[in-house]
Every structure is written in structure tokens, then in C-alpha cells.
Amino acid sequence: MKKESMLFVRTDYKIGEDEVTDQVAMDSAQYLKQLSEERYLTAGVFGDMSTEIIDGAMVIFEAENLTEAVAISEADPVIKSGLYRYELKQWHVLVAADE
């Protein structure tokens, strides 16, 4: 992680009953994968993977500031679809395991 960067936690919440299309899910996964090649990023979903019932997600990523973190979040196809809303918070890591 770059010294001047900050970590942000984005928590996604499903808005209604409509399901995300396979295309939106694939586009979001590709978007996050591309971001992970440029900066620290880890992401996952909440739900039952055996039934594929997903009701939310969490993305932890680095950004230079809140403005950039919002732009990154708003550009995610799953957010742009309007099926999920998100909360974004800056995360100050106090303890981390050695690699």
C-alpha cells in the first residue's frame, strides 16, 4: 500500500428483490479485478454461495482520499445497476498480521 493512501471499507446492501443479472455480476467482478491490479483491494459477498443467494458485499480498498473512494464505488457496475446501495467509511488499521 502506498504511504499516502488510505483504506476504505465499502459495504453493499441489496435494495429490493430484483436479482443482479449475470452480466452485471461479471462486469462488477471484472471491474474489481482490474482495480486489484492497480491498488490494494479485497472483496467478497454475504450470503449462501451454495444457493447463490447474495444479499450484500464488502470491498476493502485503498484510495488517495474520500473523493477518489466515492468515484471508485460509484463506477462499480453493481452499484450503477441501482440494485445495491453502499456505505463507505475510512478504515484505520490498528493491528495487522505479518505476512
N, C-alpha and C. Protein backbone atom coordinates (compact mmCIF):
# COMPACT_ATOMS: atom_id res chain seq x y z
N MET A 1 0.83 -1.17 0.00
CA MET A 1 0.00 0.00 0.00
C MET A 1 0.89 1.24 0.00
N LYS A 2 0.48 2.24 -0.75
CA LYS A 2 1.24 3.48 -0.81
C LYS A 2 1.09 4.26 0.49
N LYS A 3 2.16 4.92 0.91
CA LYS A 3 2.13 5.66 2.18
C LYS A 3 1.06 6.74 2.19
N GLU A 4 0.83 7.41 1.06
CA GLU A 4 -0.13 8.50 1.03
C GLU A 4 -1.58 8.02 0.87
N SER A 5 -1.78 6.73 0.70
CA SER A 5 -3.12 6.18 0.52
C SER A 5 -3.81 5.90 1.85
N MET A 6 -5.12 5.80 1.77
CA MET A 6 -5.95 5.45 2.91
C MET A 6 -6.75 4.20 2.54
N LEU A 7 -7.17 3.46 3.54
CA LEU A 7 -8.04 2.32 3.28
C LEU A 7 -9.49 2.73 3.52
N PHE A 8 -10.37 2.19 2.68
CA PHE A 8 -11.80 2.43 2.79
C PHE A 8 -12.53 1.09 2.78
N VAL A 9 -13.63 1.04 3.52
CA VAL A 9 -14.48 -0.14 3.54
C VAL A 9 -15.81 0.27 2.93
N ARG A 10 -16.20 -0.44 1.89
CA ARG A 10 -17.50 -0.23 1.25
C ARG A 10 -18.36 -1.44 1.55
N THR A 11 -19.49 -1.21 2.20
CA THR A 11 -20.43 -2.28 2.49
C THR A 11 -21.65 -2.08 1.60
N ASP A 12 -21.97 -3.09 0.80
CA ASP A 12 -23.10 -3.02 -0.13
C ASP A 12 -24.32 -3.71 0.46
N TYR A 13 -25.49 -3.12 0.24
CA TYR A 13 -26.75 -3.66 0.73
C TYR A 13 -27.74 -3.75 -0.42
N LYS A 14 -28.40 -4.89 -0.52
CA LYS A 14 -29.41 -5.09 -1.56
C LYS A 14 -30.59 -4.16 -1.30
N ILE A 15 -31.10 -3.52 -2.34
CA ILE A 15 -32.19 -2.56 -2.19
C ILE A 15 -33.56 -3.24 -2.29
N GLY A 16 -33.76 -4.07 -3.27
CA GLY A 16 -35.07 -4.69 -3.48
C GLY A 16 -34.95 -6.18 -3.70
N GLU A 17 -35.95 -6.72 -4.34
CA GLU A 17 -35.99 -8.16 -4.60
C GLU A 17 -35.39 -8.56 -5.94
N ASP A 18 -35.17 -7.59 -6.83
CA ASP A 18 -34.62 -7.90 -8.15
C ASP A 18 -33.21 -8.46 -8.02
N GLU A 19 -32.92 -9.46 -8.82
CA GLU A 19 -31.60 -10.08 -8.81
C GLU A 19 -30.66 -9.38 -9.79
N VAL A 20 -29.40 -9.37 -9.47
CA VAL A 20 -28.38 -8.84 -10.37
C VAL A 20 -28.24 -9.81 -11.53
N THR A 21 -28.20 -9.29 -12.74
CA THR A 21 -28.04 -10.16 -13.90
C THR A 21 -26.62 -10.73 -13.91
N ASP A 22 -26.47 -11.83 -14.61
CA ASP A 22 -25.14 -12.44 -14.74
C ASP A 22 -24.16 -11.45 -15.36
N GLN A 23 -24.63 -10.64 -16.32
CA GLN A 23 -23.74 -9.68 -16.98
C GLN A 23 -23.26 -8.62 -16.01
N VAL A 24 -24.15 -8.08 -15.19
CA VAL A 24 -23.75 -7.07 -14.21
C VAL A 24 -22.78 -7.68 -13.20
N ALA A 25 -23.05 -8.90 -12.75
CA ALA A 25 -22.16 -9.57 -11.79
C ALA A 25 -20.77 -9.78 -12.40
N MET A 26 -20.73 -10.21 -13.66
CA MET A 26 -19.44 -10.43 -14.32
C MET A 26 -18.71 -9.10 -14.55
N ASP A 27 -19.45 -8.07 -14.93
CA ASP A 27 -18.85 -6.75 -15.15
C ASP A 27 -18.27 -6.20 -13.85
N SER A 28 -19.00 -6.38 -12.75
CA SER A 28 -18.52 -5.92 -11.45
C SER A 28 -17.26 -6.67 -11.04
N ALA A 29 -17.28 -7.99 -11.20
CA ALA A 29 -16.11 -8.80 -10.86
C ALA A 29 -14.90 -8.38 -11.69
N GLN A 30 -15.11 -8.11 -12.96
CA GLN A 30 -14.01 -7.68 -13.83
C GLN A 30 -13.51 -6.30 -13.39
N TYR A 31 -14.42 -5.40 -13.05
CA TYR A 31 -14.04 -4.07 -12.58
C TYR A 31 -13.18 -4.16 -11.32
N LEU A 32 -13.62 -4.96 -10.36
CA LEU A 32 -12.87 -5.10 -9.11
C LEU A 32 -11.53 -5.78 -9.34
N LYS A 33 -11.49 -6.76 -10.23
CA LYS A 33 -10.23 -7.45 -10.55
C LYS A 33 -9.24 -6.46 -11.15
N GLN A 34 -9.70 -5.60 -12.05
CA GLN A 34 -8.83 -4.60 -12.66
C GLN A 34 -8.30 -3.64 -11.59
N LEU A 35 -9.18 -3.21 -10.69
CA LEU A 35 -8.74 -2.32 -9.61
C LEU A 35 -7.69 -2.99 -8.72
N SER A 36 -7.87 -4.30 -8.47
CA SER A 36 -6.93 -5.01 -7.60
C SER A 36 -5.54 -5.11 -8.20
N GLU A 37 -5.44 -4.92 -9.50
CA GLU A 37 -4.13 -4.93 -10.16
C GLU A 37 -3.44 -3.58 -10.03
N GLU A 38 -4.20 -2.54 -9.67
CA GLU A 38 -3.68 -1.19 -9.57
C GLU A 38 -3.46 -0.73 -8.13
N ARG A 39 -4.14 -1.37 -7.17
CA ARG A 39 -4.12 -0.91 -5.78
C ARG A 39 -4.52 -2.06 -4.87
N TYR A 40 -4.32 -1.88 -3.56
CA TYR A 40 -4.77 -2.90 -2.61
C TYR A 40 -6.29 -2.97 -2.68
N LEU A 41 -6.81 -4.17 -2.80
CA LEU A 41 -8.25 -4.38 -2.82
C LEU A 41 -8.55 -5.83 -2.46
N THR A 42 -9.55 -6.01 -1.63
CA THR A 42 -10.08 -7.34 -1.33
C THR A 42 -11.60 -7.21 -1.29
N ALA A 43 -12.30 -8.22 -1.78
CA ALA A 43 -13.75 -8.11 -1.87
C ALA A 43 -14.39 -9.48 -1.69
N GLY A 44 -15.62 -9.49 -1.19
CA GLY A 44 -16.37 -10.72 -1.04
C GLY A 44 -17.84 -10.42 -0.84
N VAL A 45 -18.65 -11.47 -0.89
CA VAL A 45 -20.10 -11.30 -0.78
C VAL A 45 -20.62 -11.91 0.51
N PHE A 46 -21.79 -11.44 0.92
CA PHE A 46 -22.52 -12.02 2.05
C PHE A 46 -23.64 -12.86 1.47
N GLY A 47 -23.80 -14.04 2.00
CA GLY A 47 -24.89 -14.88 1.53
C GLY A 47 -24.49 -16.34 1.52
N ASP A 48 -25.30 -17.12 0.88
CA ASP A 48 -25.11 -18.56 0.79
C ASP A 48 -24.65 -18.91 -0.62
N MET A 49 -23.38 -19.20 -0.76
CA MET A 49 -22.83 -19.48 -2.08
C MET A 49 -23.39 -20.79 -2.67
N SER A 50 -23.84 -21.72 -1.82
CA SER A 50 -24.38 -22.97 -2.35
C SER A 50 -25.72 -22.74 -3.05
N THR A 51 -26.48 -21.74 -2.60
CA THR A 51 -27.76 -21.42 -3.23
C THR A 51 -27.67 -20.19 -4.12
N GLU A 52 -26.50 -19.55 -4.09
CA GLU A 52 -26.26 -18.32 -4.84
C GLU A 52 -27.19 -17.19 -4.43
N ILE A 53 -27.66 -17.21 -3.18
CA ILE A 53 -28.47 -16.12 -2.65
C ILE A 53 -27.51 -15.13 -1.98
N ILE A 54 -27.31 -14.01 -2.64
CA ILE A 54 -26.36 -12.99 -2.18
C ILE A 54 -27.18 -11.78 -1.73
N ASP A 55 -26.91 -11.30 -0.51
CA ASP A 55 -27.67 -10.14 -0.04
C ASP A 55 -26.80 -8.94 0.27
N GLY A 56 -25.53 -9.01 -0.07
CA GLY A 56 -24.65 -7.87 0.16
C GLY A 56 -23.21 -8.23 -0.12
N ALA A 57 -22.35 -7.26 0.08
CA ALA A 57 -20.92 -7.47 -0.19
C ALA A 57 -20.11 -6.47 0.61
N MET A 58 -18.80 -6.74 0.68
CA MET A 58 -17.87 -5.82 1.30
C MET A 58 -16.63 -5.72 0.42
N VAL A 59 -16.17 -4.50 0.23
CA VAL A 59 -14.97 -4.24 -0.55
C VAL A 59 -14.06 -3.37 0.31
N ILE A 60 -12.83 -3.80 0.50
CA ILE A 60 -11.83 -3.00 1.21
C ILE A 60 -10.78 -2.62 0.18
N PHE A 61 -10.52 -1.33 0.08
CA PHE A 61 -9.60 -0.89 -0.96
C PHE A 61 -8.88 0.39 -0.54
N GLU A 62 -7.77 0.66 -1.23
CA GLU A 62 -7.03 1.88 -0.96
C GLU A 62 -7.43 2.95 -1.96
N ALA A 63 -7.41 4.19 -1.49
CA ALA A 63 -7.67 5.36 -2.32
C ALA A 63 -6.90 6.53 -1.73
N GLU A 64 -6.68 7.54 -2.52
CA GLU A 64 -5.92 8.69 -2.04
C GLU A 64 -6.73 9.55 -1.07
N ASN A 65 -8.08 9.55 -1.25
CA ASN A 65 -8.94 10.37 -0.40
C ASN A 65 -10.39 9.91 -0.58
N LEU A 66 -11.28 10.54 0.16
CA LEU A 66 -12.70 10.17 0.11
C LEU A 66 -13.29 10.41 -1.27
N THR A 67 -12.90 11.47 -1.93
CA THR A 67 -13.43 11.76 -3.26
C THR A 67 -13.10 10.63 -4.23
N GLU A 68 -11.87 10.14 -4.19
CA GLU A 68 -11.49 9.03 -5.07
C GLU A 68 -12.23 7.76 -4.66
N ALA A 69 -12.39 7.52 -3.37
CA ALA A 69 -13.09 6.32 -2.90
C ALA A 69 -14.54 6.32 -3.37
N VAL A 70 -15.19 7.46 -3.33
CA VAL A 70 -16.58 7.57 -3.81
C VAL A 70 -16.62 7.30 -5.32
N ALA A 71 -15.70 7.89 -6.06
CA ALA A 71 -15.67 7.68 -7.51
C ALA A 71 -15.46 6.21 -7.86
N ILE A 72 -14.56 5.54 -7.14
CA ILE A 72 -14.33 4.11 -7.36
C ILE A 72 -15.61 3.33 -7.08
N SER A 73 -16.28 3.65 -5.99
CA SER A 73 -17.51 2.94 -5.61
C SER A 73 -18.62 3.17 -6.63
N GLU A 74 -18.80 4.42 -7.03
CA GLU A 74 -19.88 4.76 -7.96
C GLU A 74 -19.68 4.15 -9.34
N ALA A 75 -18.44 3.85 -9.71
CA ALA A 75 -18.14 3.29 -11.02
C ALA A 75 -18.36 1.78 -11.09
N ASP A 76 -18.56 1.13 -9.96
CA ASP A 76 -18.76 -0.33 -9.93
C ASP A 76 -20.10 -0.65 -10.59
N PRO A 77 -20.12 -1.52 -11.59
CA PRO A 77 -21.37 -1.85 -12.27
C PRO A 77 -22.50 -2.33 -11.35
N VAL A 78 -22.18 -3.00 -10.26
CA VAL A 78 -23.24 -3.48 -9.37
C VAL A 78 -23.91 -2.30 -8.65
N ILE A 79 -23.16 -1.24 -8.39
CA ILE A 79 -23.74 -0.03 -7.80
C ILE A 79 -24.48 0.76 -8.87
N LYS A 80 -23.89 0.88 -10.04
CA LYS A 80 -24.52 1.60 -11.14
C LYS A 80 -25.84 0.97 -11.55
N SER A 81 -26.00 -0.34 -11.30
CA SER A 81 -27.25 -1.03 -11.67
C SER A 81 -28.44 -0.53 -10.87
N GLY A 82 -28.18 0.08 -9.70
CA GLY A 82 -29.25 0.57 -8.85
C GLY A 82 -29.88 -0.49 -7.97
N LEU A 83 -29.33 -1.70 -8.00
CA LEU A 83 -29.88 -2.79 -7.19
C LEU A 83 -29.26 -2.85 -5.80
N TYR A 84 -28.14 -2.17 -5.62
CA TYR A 84 -27.45 -2.13 -4.33
C TYR A 84 -27.14 -0.69 -3.97
N ARG A 85 -27.17 -0.39 -2.70
CA ARG A 85 -26.68 0.87 -2.17
C ARG A 85 -25.44 0.53 -1.35
N TYR A 86 -24.66 1.52 -1.01
CA TYR A 86 -23.46 1.24 -0.24
C TYR A 86 -23.24 2.28 0.83
N GLU A 87 -22.49 1.87 1.85
CA GLU A 87 -21.96 2.77 2.86
C GLU A 87 -20.45 2.72 2.73
N LEU A 88 -19.81 3.86 2.88
CA LEU A 88 -18.37 3.95 2.71
C LEU A 88 -17.77 4.61 3.94
N LYS A 89 -16.75 3.97 4.49
CA LYS A 89 -16.07 4.51 5.66
C LYS A 89 -14.57 4.36 5.49
N GLN A 90 -13.84 5.37 5.98
CA GLN A 90 -12.39 5.24 6.02
C GLN A 90 -12.06 4.27 7.14
N TRP A 91 -11.06 3.41 6.90
CA TRP A 91 -10.70 2.37 7.86
C TRP A 91 -9.27 2.59 8.32
N HIS A 92 -9.09 2.73 9.61
CA HIS A 92 -7.77 2.92 10.19
C HIS A 92 -7.34 1.58 10.81
N VAL A 93 -6.41 0.91 10.18
CA VAL A 93 -5.96 -0.40 10.65
C VAL A 93 -5.10 -0.22 11.89
N LEU A 94 -5.46 -0.92 12.95
CA LEU A 94 -4.70 -0.85 14.19
C LEU A 94 -3.81 -2.07 14.40
N VAL A 95 -4.27 -3.21 13.90
CA VAL A 95 -3.50 -4.46 14.05
C VAL A 95 -3.55 -5.19 12.71
N ALA A 96 -2.43 -5.71 12.27
CA ALA A 96 -2.37 -6.49 11.03
C ALA A 96 -1.40 -7.64 11.25
N ALA A 97 -1.76 -8.79 10.71
CA ALA A 97 -0.89 -9.96 10.81
C ALA A 97 0.30 -9.79 9.89
N ASP A 98 1.45 -10.32 10.30
CA ASP A 98 2.62 -10.33 9.44
C ASP A 98 2.38 -11.32 8.31
N GLU A 99 2.90 -10.99 7.14
CA GLU A 99 2.73 -11.91 6.01
C GLU A 99 3.74 -13.01 6.04
